[in-house]
Amino acid sequence: MNSHWPRLGFILCLFLSATKVPASADQKLIFRTALDTPAAQYSQALLSEAYKAMGIQVEFISVPFGRSLVESNKGRLSGELARVLDVTQRYPNLLAVPYVLFDTNVNLYVNQTKCAGCSLSTVSSLVYVRGALILENMLHALPPDIQLIPVSDTAAARQLYEQQKVDAVLFAAYQLSAAPQGFVSIMQTIKTVPDYHMLHKRYQSLLQALAKTLFKLEADGTAARLRRQFGVPPPKHQLKSHLSLPVAEFN
């Protein structure tokens, strides 16, 4: 983590966000900026369109991925860009907007040269992005002798794997664009879970209106256009309407 974080400006922004009540046209919502993955960048673009249509200002600021859930749950951020529903169990002040942004595939890549035939539970070492709760929940159940290496972003995880510093890498909502050079790599999708936009409970009054706006952007082709732009497939299952209840996982 950057030793200069949190900076005064960042603290001020979070304080102002935390002291205001439900959003209006003259209020700004503050979220962590998107990770360097197509799904996250798509989500930021789509949500920017939705909030703009509602007349609500939004700002995306740099916050460590592993820290943003804490800040959102405390109300110092307005919510989370995109998270799986399970985060609401550990962070109960977050509420899911009833619209599926995308499906998170948990993808395991294993270096077959170093660890032929290995699975998630039998690799010797594994790198992952810190703060991805869906990954951390899975990793807690692994044998204690596996070396787990948390990093700050997908680029760092990809680099360690491609340089053969680890046996495996575990990604959420991300896959390698090309096969690594110099060794055989096999990918396995372990599970698929829907992602939702999250708001702090202070903004509960926005949930249905925002979901309704997102469904309108789905109907008018805006969501499909942005999915094509960022290379993100549509979710396998979408809720039937903005009045539906979010679901935790698809089978």
C-alpha atoms as a PDB file:
ATOM      1  CA  MET A   1       0.000   0.000   0.000  1.00  0.00           C
ATOM      2  CA  ASN A   2       1.192   3.490  -0.772  1.00  0.00           C
ATOM      3  CA  SER A   3       2.676   4.993   2.357  1.00  0.00           C
ATOM      4  CA  HIS A   4       1.100   8.366   1.517  1.00  0.00           C
ATOM      5  CA  TRP A   5      -2.420   6.947   1.606  1.00  0.00           C
ATOM      6  CA  PRO A   6      -4.768   8.222   2.881  1.00  0.00           C
ATOM      7  CA  ARG A   7      -4.004  11.733   1.692  1.00  0.00           C
ATOM      8  CA  LEU A   8      -5.770  14.789   3.075  1.00  0.00           C
ATOM      9  CA  GLY A   9      -7.823  15.324  -0.075  1.00  0.00           C
ATOM     10  CA  PHE A  10      -8.965  11.736  -0.050  1.00  0.00           C
ATOM     11  CA  ILE A  11      -9.986  11.949   3.611  1.00  0.00           C
ATOM     12  CA  LEU A  12     -11.897  15.174   2.942  1.00  0.00           C
ATOM     13  CA  CYS A  13     -13.783  13.611   0.020  1.00  0.00           C
ATOM     14  CA  LEU A  14     -14.755  10.607   2.125  1.00  0.00           C
ATOM     15  CA  PHE A  15     -15.792  12.803   5.049  1.00  0.00           C
ATOM     16  CA  LEU A  16     -18.053  14.905   2.865  1.00  0.00           C
ATOM     17  CA  SER A  17     -19.591  11.781   1.368  1.00  0.00           C
ATOM     18  CA  ALA A  18     -20.177  10.248   4.778  1.00  0.00           C
ATOM     19  CA  THR A  19     -21.928  13.314   6.207  1.00  0.00           C
ATOM     20  CA  LYS A  20     -24.512  13.739   3.474  1.00  0.00           C
ATOM     21  CA  VAL A  21     -27.877  12.062   3.135  1.00  0.00           C
ATOM     22  CA  PRO A  22     -29.653  10.524   0.089  1.00  0.00           C
ATOM     23  CA  ALA A  23     -28.378  11.697  -3.255  1.00  0.00           C
ATOM     24  CA  SER A  24     -29.822  14.647  -5.113  1.00  0.00           C
ATOM     25  CA  ALA A  25     -28.864  16.513  -8.256  1.00  0.00           C
ATOM     26  CA  ASP A  26     -26.498  18.770  -6.310  1.00  0.00           C
ATOM     27  CA  GLN A  27     -24.777  15.908  -4.488  1.00  0.00           C
ATOM     28  CA  LYS A  28     -21.843  13.817  -5.593  1.00  0.00           C
ATOM     29  CA  LEU A  29     -21.523  10.085  -4.948  1.00  0.00           C
ATOM     30  CA  ILE A  30     -17.995   8.750  -4.549  1.00  0.00           C
ATOM     31  CA  PHE A  31     -16.826   5.275  -5.558  1.00  0.00           C
ATOM     32  CA  ARG A  32     -13.507   3.483  -5.969  1.00  0.00           C
ATOM     33  CA  THR A  33     -12.293   3.680  -9.546  1.00  0.00           C
ATOM     34  CA  ALA A  34     -12.430   0.536 -11.666  1.00  0.00           C
ATOM     35  CA  LEU A  35      -9.734  -2.109 -11.609  1.00  0.00           C
ATOM     36  CA  ASP A  36      -7.767  -2.796 -14.794  1.00  0.00           C
ATOM     37  CA  THR A  37     -10.202  -5.485 -15.948  1.00  0.00           C
ATOM     38  CA  PRO A  38     -12.774  -5.280 -18.764  1.00  0.00           C
ATOM     39  CA  ALA A  39     -15.684  -6.151 -16.447  1.00  0.00           C
ATOM     40  CA  ALA A  40     -14.806  -3.448 -13.912  1.00  0.00           C
ATOM     41  CA  GLN A  41     -14.254  -0.805 -16.590  1.00  0.00           C
ATOM     42  CA  TYR A  42     -17.541  -1.765 -18.252  1.00  0.00           C
ATOM     43  CA  SER A  43     -19.325  -1.416 -14.921  1.00  0.00           C
ATOM     44  CA  GLN A  44     -17.904   2.061 -14.356  1.00  0.00           C
ATOM     45  CA  ALA A  45     -18.952   3.162 -17.847  1.00  0.00           C
ATOM     46  CA  LEU A  46     -22.473   1.758 -17.506  1.00  0.00           C
ATOM     47  CA  LEU A  47     -23.024   3.172 -14.031  1.00  0.00           C
ATOM     48  CA  SER A  48     -21.733   6.558 -15.177  1.00  0.00           C
ATOM     49  CA  GLU A  49     -24.432   6.548 -17.861  1.00  0.00           C
ATOM     50  CA  ALA A  50     -27.097   5.506 -15.351  1.00  0.00           C
ATOM     51  CA  TYR A  51     -26.257   8.145 -12.768  1.00  0.00           C
ATOM     52  CA  LYS A  52     -26.010  10.781 -15.475  1.00  0.00           C
ATOM     53  CA  ALA A  53     -29.509   9.865 -16.668  1.00  0.00           C
ATOM     54  CA  MET A  54     -30.735  10.280 -13.084  1.00  0.00           C
ATOM     55  CA  GLY A  55     -29.067  13.676 -12.735  1.00  0.00           C
ATOM     56  CA  ILE A  56     -26.695  12.475 -10.005  1.00  0.00           C
ATOM     57  CA  GLN A  57     -23.016  13.419 -10.042  1.00  0.00           C
ATOM     58  CA  VAL A  58     -20.488  10.651  -9.427  1.00  0.00           C
ATOM     59  CA  GLU A  59     -16.754  10.643  -8.896  1.00  0.00           C
ATOM     60  CA  PHE A  60     -14.391   7.674  -9.061  1.00  0.00           C
ATOM     61  CA  ILE A  61     -11.291   7.935  -6.911  1.00  0.00           C
ATOM     62  CA  SER A  62      -8.251   5.763  -6.294  1.00  0.00           C
ATOM     63  CA  VAL A  63      -8.672   3.525  -3.256  1.00  0.00           C
ATOM     64  CA  PRO A  64      -6.840   0.253  -2.607  1.00  0.00           C
ATOM     65  CA  PHE A  65      -9.108  -2.606  -3.686  1.00  0.00           C
ATOM     66  CA  GLY A  66      -8.536  -4.381  -0.399  1.00  0.00           C
ATOM     67  CA  ARG A  67      -9.617  -1.279   1.552  1.00  0.00           C
ATOM     68  CA  SER A  68     -12.671  -0.098  -0.355  1.00  0.00           C
ATOM     69  CA  LEU A  69     -15.172  -2.507   1.229  1.00  0.00           C
ATOM     70  CA  VAL A  70     -14.281  -1.192   4.683  1.00  0.00           C
ATOM     71  CA  GLU A  71     -14.644   2.416   3.527  1.00  0.00           C
ATOM     72  CA  SER A  72     -17.949   1.685   1.790  1.00  0.00           C
ATOM     73  CA  ASN A  73     -19.381  -0.162   4.782  1.00  0.00           C
ATOM     74  CA  LYS A  74     -18.486   2.798   7.019  1.00  0.00           C
ATOM     75  CA  GLY A  75     -20.146   5.189   4.566  1.00  0.00           C
ATOM     76  CA  ARG A  76     -16.972   7.060   3.693  1.00  0.00           C
ATOM     77  CA  LEU A  77     -17.455   5.779   0.145  1.00  0.00           C
ATOM     78  CA  SER A  78     -20.962   5.777  -1.309  1.00  0.00           C
ATOM     79  CA  GLY A  79     -20.746   2.092  -2.187  1.00  0.00           C
ATOM     80  CA  GLU A  80     -18.951  -0.458  -4.320  1.00  0.00           C
ATOM     81  CA  LEU A  81     -18.646  -0.390  -8.090  1.00  0.00           C
ATOM     82  CA  ALA A  82     -19.291  -4.125  -8.518  1.00  0.00           C
ATOM     83  CA  ARG A  83     -19.179  -6.914  -5.959  1.00  0.00           C
ATOM     84  CA  VAL A  84     -20.644 -10.371  -5.401  1.00  0.00           C
ATOM     85  CA  LEU A  85     -23.634 -10.588  -3.094  1.00  0.00           C
ATOM     86  CA  ASP A  86     -21.726 -12.466  -0.390  1.00  0.00           C
ATOM     87  CA  VAL A  87     -19.948  -9.252   0.646  1.00  0.00           C
ATOM     88  CA  THR A  88     -23.177  -8.045   2.274  1.00  0.00           C
ATOM     89  CA  GLN A  89     -22.831 -10.767   4.917  1.00  0.00           C
ATOM     90  CA  ARG A  90     -19.521  -9.389   6.147  1.00  0.00           C
ATOM     91  CA  TYR A  91     -20.346  -5.752   5.332  1.00  0.00           C
ATOM     92  CA  PRO A  92     -24.042  -5.417   6.270  1.00  0.00           C
ATOM     93  CA  ASN A  93     -24.325  -1.693   5.523  1.00  0.00           C
ATOM     94  CA  LEU A  94     -24.006  -2.423   1.795  1.00  0.00           C
ATOM     95  CA  LEU A  95     -27.134  -3.037  -0.263  1.00  0.00           C
ATOM     96  CA  ALA A  96     -27.182  -4.595  -3.729  1.00  0.00           C
ATOM     97  CA  VAL A  97     -28.869  -2.790  -6.609  1.00  0.00           C
ATOM     98  CA  PRO A  98     -31.196  -5.396  -8.187  1.00  0.00           C
ATOM     99  CA  TYR A  99     -29.574  -5.596 -11.619  1.00  0.00           C
ATOM    100  CA  VAL A 100     -26.825  -8.035 -12.620  1.00  0.00           C
ATOM    101  CA  LEU A 101     -23.869  -6.123 -14.041  1.00  0.00           C
ATOM    102  CA  PHE A 102     -21.894  -9.159 -15.210  1.00  0.00           C
ATOM    103  CA  ASP A 103     -20.921 -12.666 -14.199  1.00  0.00           C
ATOM    104  CA  THR A 104     -17.729 -13.161 -12.239  1.00  0.00           C
ATOM    105  CA  ASN A 105     -15.939 -16.275 -13.420  1.00  0.00           C
ATOM    106  CA  VAL A 106     -13.336 -17.499 -10.949  1.00  0.00           C
ATOM    107  CA  ASN A 107     -10.550 -18.702 -13.243  1.00  0.00           C
ATOM    108  CA  LEU A 108      -7.631 -20.820 -12.080  1.00  0.00           C
ATOM    109  CA  TYR A 109      -4.507 -20.985 -14.260  1.00  0.00           C
ATOM    110  CA  VAL A 110      -1.967 -23.702 -13.461  1.00  0.00           C
ATOM    111  CA  ASN A 111       1.564 -23.991 -14.861  1.00  0.00           C
ATOM    112  CA  GLN A 112       1.630 -27.582 -16.112  1.00  0.00           C
ATOM    113  CA  THR A 113       5.405 -27.543 -16.469  1.00  0.00           C
ATOM    114  CA  LYS A 114       5.856 -26.881 -12.756  1.00  0.00           C
ATOM    115  CA  CYS A 115       2.744 -28.624 -11.451  1.00  0.00           C
ATOM    116  CA  ALA A 116       1.298 -31.067 -13.973  1.00  0.00           C
ATOM    117  CA  GLY A 117      -2.261 -32.105 -13.185  1.00  0.00           C
ATOM    118  CA  CYS A 118      -2.475 -29.872 -10.110  1.00  0.00           C
ATOM    119  CA  SER A 119      -5.751 -28.440  -8.867  1.00  0.00           C
ATOM    120  CA  LEU A 120      -6.534 -25.491  -6.613  1.00  0.00           C
ATOM    121  CA  SER A 121      -5.945 -27.593  -3.507  1.00  0.00           C
ATOM    122  CA  THR A 122      -2.713 -29.252  -4.674  1.00  0.00           C
ATOM    123  CA  VAL A 123      -0.596 -26.403  -6.075  1.00  0.00           C
ATOM    124  CA  SER A 124       2.420 -25.350  -4.031  1.00  0.00           C
ATOM    125  CA  SER A 125       2.068 -21.605  -4.591  1.00  0.00           C
ATOM    126  CA  LEU A 126      -0.657 -19.282  -5.854  1.00  0.00           C
ATOM    127  CA  VAL A 127      -1.012 -15.550  -6.485  1.00  0.00           C
ATOM    128  CA  TYR A 128      -4.291 -13.591  -6.311  1.00  0.00           C
ATOM    129  CA  VAL A 129      -5.545 -10.012  -6.094  1.00  0.00           C
ATOM    130  CA  ARG A 130      -5.986  -8.850  -2.507  1.00  0.00           C
ATOM    131  CA  GLY A 131      -9.488  -7.660  -1.604  1.00  0.00           C
ATOM    132  CA  ALA A 132     -11.470  -9.960  -3.912  1.00  0.00           C
ATOM    133  CA  LEU A 133     -13.705 -11.478  -1.253  1.00  0.00           C
ATOM    134  CA  ILE A 134     -14.897 -14.291  -3.496  1.00  0.00           C
ATOM    135  CA  LEU A 135     -11.278 -15.444  -3.873  1.00  0.00           C
ATOM    136  CA  GLU A 136     -10.335 -14.969  -0.241  1.00  0.00           C
ATOM    137  CA  ASN A 137     -13.297 -17.064   0.926  1.00  0.00           C
ATOM    138  CA  MET A 138     -12.164 -19.911  -1.321  1.00  0.00           C
ATOM    139  CA  LEU A 139      -8.509 -19.611  -0.287  1.00  0.00           C
ATOM    140  CA  HIS A 140      -9.303 -19.827   3.423  1.00  0.00           C
ATOM    141  CA  ALA A 141     -10.412 -23.416   2.860  1.00  0.00           C
ATOM    142  CA  LEU A 142      -7.132 -24.515   1.234  1.00  0.00           C
ATOM    143  CA  PRO A 143      -4.450 -26.602   2.959  1.00  0.00           C
ATOM    144  CA  PRO A 144      -2.196 -24.401   5.124  1.00  0.00           C
ATOM    145  CA  ASP A 145       1.008 -25.472   3.370  1.00  0.00           C
ATOM    146  CA  ILE A 146       0.056 -23.708   0.109  1.00  0.00           C
ATOM    147  CA  GLN A 147       1.978 -20.448  -0.296  1.00  0.00           C
ATOM    148  CA  LEU A 148      -0.606 -17.715  -0.970  1.00  0.00           C
ATOM    149  CA  ILE A 149       0.715 -14.450  -2.406  1.00  0.00           C
ATOM    150  CA  PRO A 150      -1.672 -11.452  -2.389  1.00  0.00           C
ATOM    151  CA  VAL A 151      -0.937  -8.589  -4.808  1.00  0.00           C
ATOM    152  CA  SER A 152      -2.578  -5.246  -5.494  1.00  0.00           C
ATOM    153  CA  ASP A 153      -3.856  -5.747  -9.049  1.00  0.00           C
ATOM    154  CA  THR A 154      -4.258  -8.133 -11.953  1.00  0.00           C
ATOM    155  CA  ALA A 155      -1.126  -6.878 -13.719  1.00  0.00           C
ATOM    156  CA  ALA A 156       1.057  -7.887 -10.769  1.00  0.00           C
ATOM    157  CA  ALA A 157      -0.638 -11.280 -10.494  1.00  0.00           C
ATOM    158  CA  ARG A 158      -0.257 -11.907 -14.206  1.00  0.00           C
ATOM    159  CA  GLN A 159       3.422 -10.953 -14.123  1.00  0.00           C
ATOM    160  CA  LEU A 160       4.289 -13.345 -11.296  1.00  0.00           C
ATOM    161  CA  TYR A 161       2.515 -16.182 -13.065  1.00  0.00           C
ATOM    162  CA  GLU A 162       3.987 -15.498 -16.508  1.00  0.00           C
ATOM    163  CA  GLN A 163       7.483 -15.245 -14.993  1.00  0.00           C
ATOM    164  CA  GLN A 164       6.889 -18.691 -13.403  1.00  0.00           C
ATOM    165  CA  LYS A 165       7.400 -17.362  -9.880  1.00  0.00           C
ATOM    166  CA  VAL A 166       4.292 -19.295  -8.755  1.00  0.00           C
ATOM    167  CA  ASP A 167       2.529 -22.499  -9.749  1.00  0.00           C
ATOM    168  CA  ALA A 168      -0.855 -20.892 -10.257  1.00  0.00           C
ATOM    169  CA  VAL A 169      -2.888 -17.705 -10.387  1.00  0.00           C
ATOM    170  CA  LEU A 170      -6.520 -17.233  -9.384  1.00  0.00           C
ATOM    171  CA  PHE A 171      -8.499 -14.454 -11.061  1.00  0.00           C
ATOM    172  CA  ALA A 172     -12.002 -13.100 -10.485  1.00  0.00           C
ATOM    173  CA  ALA A 173     -13.758 -11.696 -13.576  1.00  0.00           C
ATOM    174  CA  TYR A 174     -10.548 -11.759 -15.586  1.00  0.00           C
ATOM    175  CA  GLN A 175      -8.779 -14.098 -17.973  1.00  0.00           C
ATOM    176  CA  LEU A 176      -5.466 -13.979 -19.778  1.00  0.00           C
ATOM    177  CA  SER A 177      -5.706 -12.532 -23.272  1.00  0.00           C
ATOM    178  CA  ALA A 178      -2.986 -14.856 -24.606  1.00  0.00           C
ATOM    179  CA  ALA A 179      -1.281 -18.041 -23.521  1.00  0.00           C
ATOM    180  CA  PRO A 180       1.911 -17.491 -21.486  1.00  0.00           C
ATOM    181  CA  GLN A 181       5.203 -18.058 -23.303  1.00  0.00           C
ATOM    182  CA  GLY A 182       7.611 -20.830 -22.352  1.00  0.00           C
ATOM    183  CA  PHE A 183       5.286 -23.207 -20.531  1.00  0.00           C
ATOM    184  CA  VAL A 184       1.970 -24.992 -20.823  1.00  0.00           C
ATOM    185  CA  SER A 185      -0.844 -23.287 -18.955  1.00  0.00           C
ATOM    186  CA  ILE A 186      -4.310 -24.709 -18.372  1.00  0.00           C
ATOM    187  CA  MET A 187      -7.321 -22.661 -17.258  1.00  0.00           C
ATOM    188  CA  GLN A 188     -10.227 -23.985 -15.245  1.00  0.00           C
ATOM    189  CA  THR A 189     -13.353 -21.972 -14.375  1.00  0.00           C
ATOM    190  CA  ILE A 190     -14.130 -22.970 -10.807  1.00  0.00           C
ATOM    191  CA  LYS A 191     -17.371 -21.082 -10.256  1.00  0.00           C
ATOM    192  CA  THR A 192     -19.561 -18.322 -11.669  1.00  0.00           C
ATOM    193  CA  VAL A 193     -21.257 -15.707  -9.495  1.00  0.00           C
ATOM    194  CA  PRO A 194     -23.246 -12.573 -10.476  1.00  0.00           C
ATOM    195  CA  ASP A 195     -21.895  -9.122  -9.608  1.00  0.00           C
ATOM    196  CA  TYR A 196     -24.019  -6.215  -8.434  1.00  0.00           C
ATOM    197  CA  HIS A 197     -23.490  -2.519  -7.821  1.00  0.00           C
ATOM    198  CA  MET A 198     -23.581  -1.817  -4.072  1.00  0.00           C
ATOM    199  CA  LEU A 199     -24.755   1.284  -2.231  1.00  0.00           C
ATOM    200  CA  HIS A 200     -24.374   2.212   1.414  1.00  0.00           C
ATOM    201  CA  LYS A 201     -27.681   1.869   3.260  1.00  0.00           C
ATOM    202  CA  ARG A 202     -27.841   5.665   3.485  1.00  0.00           C
ATOM    203  CA  TYR A 203     -28.800   5.594  -0.189  1.00  0.00           C
ATOM    204  CA  GLN A 204     -31.418   2.859   0.069  1.00  0.00           C
ATOM    205  CA  SER A 205     -33.983   5.169  -1.529  1.00  0.00           C
ATOM    206  CA  LEU A 206     -31.943   5.073  -4.755  1.00  0.00           C
ATOM    207  CA  LEU A 207     -31.907   1.278  -5.194  1.00  0.00           C
ATOM    208  CA  GLN A 208     -35.087   0.797  -7.204  1.00  0.00           C
ATOM    209  CA  ALA A 209     -34.728   3.995  -9.243  1.00  0.00           C
ATOM    210  CA  LEU A 210     -31.170   3.115 -10.195  1.00  0.00           C
ATOM    211  CA  ALA A 211     -32.108  -0.449 -11.087  1.00  0.00           C
ATOM    212  CA  LYS A 212     -34.992   0.825 -13.214  1.00  0.00           C
ATOM    213  CA  THR A 213     -32.576   3.148 -15.031  1.00  0.00           C
ATOM    214  CA  LEU A 214     -30.145   0.267 -15.648  1.00  0.00           C
ATOM    215  CA  PHE A 215     -32.944  -1.832 -17.117  1.00  0.00           C
ATOM    216  CA  LYS A 216     -33.806   1.094 -19.412  1.00  0.00           C
ATOM    217  CA  LEU A 217     -30.178   1.210 -20.579  1.00  0.00           C
ATOM    218  CA  GLU A 218     -30.434  -2.518 -21.206  1.00  0.00           C
ATOM    219  CA  ALA A 219     -33.596  -2.041 -23.262  1.00  0.00           C
ATOM    220  CA  ASP A 220     -32.286   0.843 -25.383  1.00  0.00           C
ATOM    221  CA  GLY A 221     -29.057  -0.968 -26.315  1.00  0.00           C
ATOM    222  CA  THR A 222     -26.643   1.146 -24.241  1.00  0.00           C
ATOM    223  CA  ALA A 223     -25.589  -1.784 -22.067  1.00  0.00           C
ATOM    224  CA  ALA A 224     -25.050  -4.038 -25.102  1.00  0.00           C
ATOM    225  CA  ARG A 225     -22.964  -1.347 -26.818  1.00  0.00           C
ATOM    226  CA  LEU A 226     -20.724  -0.947 -23.776  1.00  0.00           C
ATOM    227  CA  ARG A 227     -20.374  -4.711 -23.382  1.00  0.00           C
ATOM    228  CA  ARG A 228     -19.128  -4.899 -26.963  1.00  0.00           C
ATOM    229  CA  GLN A 229     -16.770  -1.976 -26.356  1.00  0.00           C
ATOM    230  CA  PHE A 230     -15.148  -3.620 -23.336  1.00  0.00           C
ATOM    231  CA  GLY A 231     -15.481  -7.222 -24.468  1.00  0.00           C
ATOM    232  CA  VAL A 232     -17.734  -8.311 -21.615  1.00  0.00           C
ATOM    233  CA  PRO A 233     -20.338 -11.042 -22.247  1.00  0.00           C
ATOM    234  CA  PRO A 234     -23.881 -10.513 -20.965  1.00  0.00           C
ATOM    235  CA  PRO A 235     -24.767 -12.256 -17.696  1.00  0.00           C
ATOM    236  CA  LYS A 236     -26.171 -15.754 -18.068  1.00  0.00           C
ATOM    237  CA  HIS A 237     -29.197 -14.772 -16.022  1.00  0.00           C
ATOM    238  CA  GLN A 238     -30.636 -11.317 -15.523  1.00  0.00           C
ATOM    239  CA  LEU A 239     -33.235 -10.423 -12.935  1.00  0.00           C
ATOM    240  CA  LYS A 240     -36.713 -10.108 -14.406  1.00  0.00           C
ATOM    241  CA  SER A 241     -37.197  -6.522 -13.268  1.00  0.00           C
ATOM    242  CA  HIS A 242     -35.875  -3.872 -10.939  1.00  0.00           C
ATOM    243  CA  LEU A 243     -38.329  -5.191  -8.335  1.00  0.00           C
ATOM    244  CA  SER A 244     -36.652  -8.611  -8.233  1.00  0.00           C
ATOM    245  CA  LEU A 245     -34.438  -9.705  -5.368  1.00  0.00           C
ATOM    246  CA  PRO A 246     -30.715 -10.101  -6.054  1.00  0.00           C
ATOM    247  CA  VAL A 247     -29.528 -13.706  -6.032  1.00  0.00           C
ATOM    248  CA  ALA A 248     -26.267 -14.953  -4.601  1.00  0.00           C
ATOM    249  CA  GLU A 249     -25.189 -17.494  -7.181  1.00  0.00           C
ATOM    250  CA  PHE A 250     -26.218 -19.107 -10.429  1.00  0.00           C
ATOM    251  CA  ASN A 251     -26.075 -22.838 -10.945  1.00  0.00           C
END
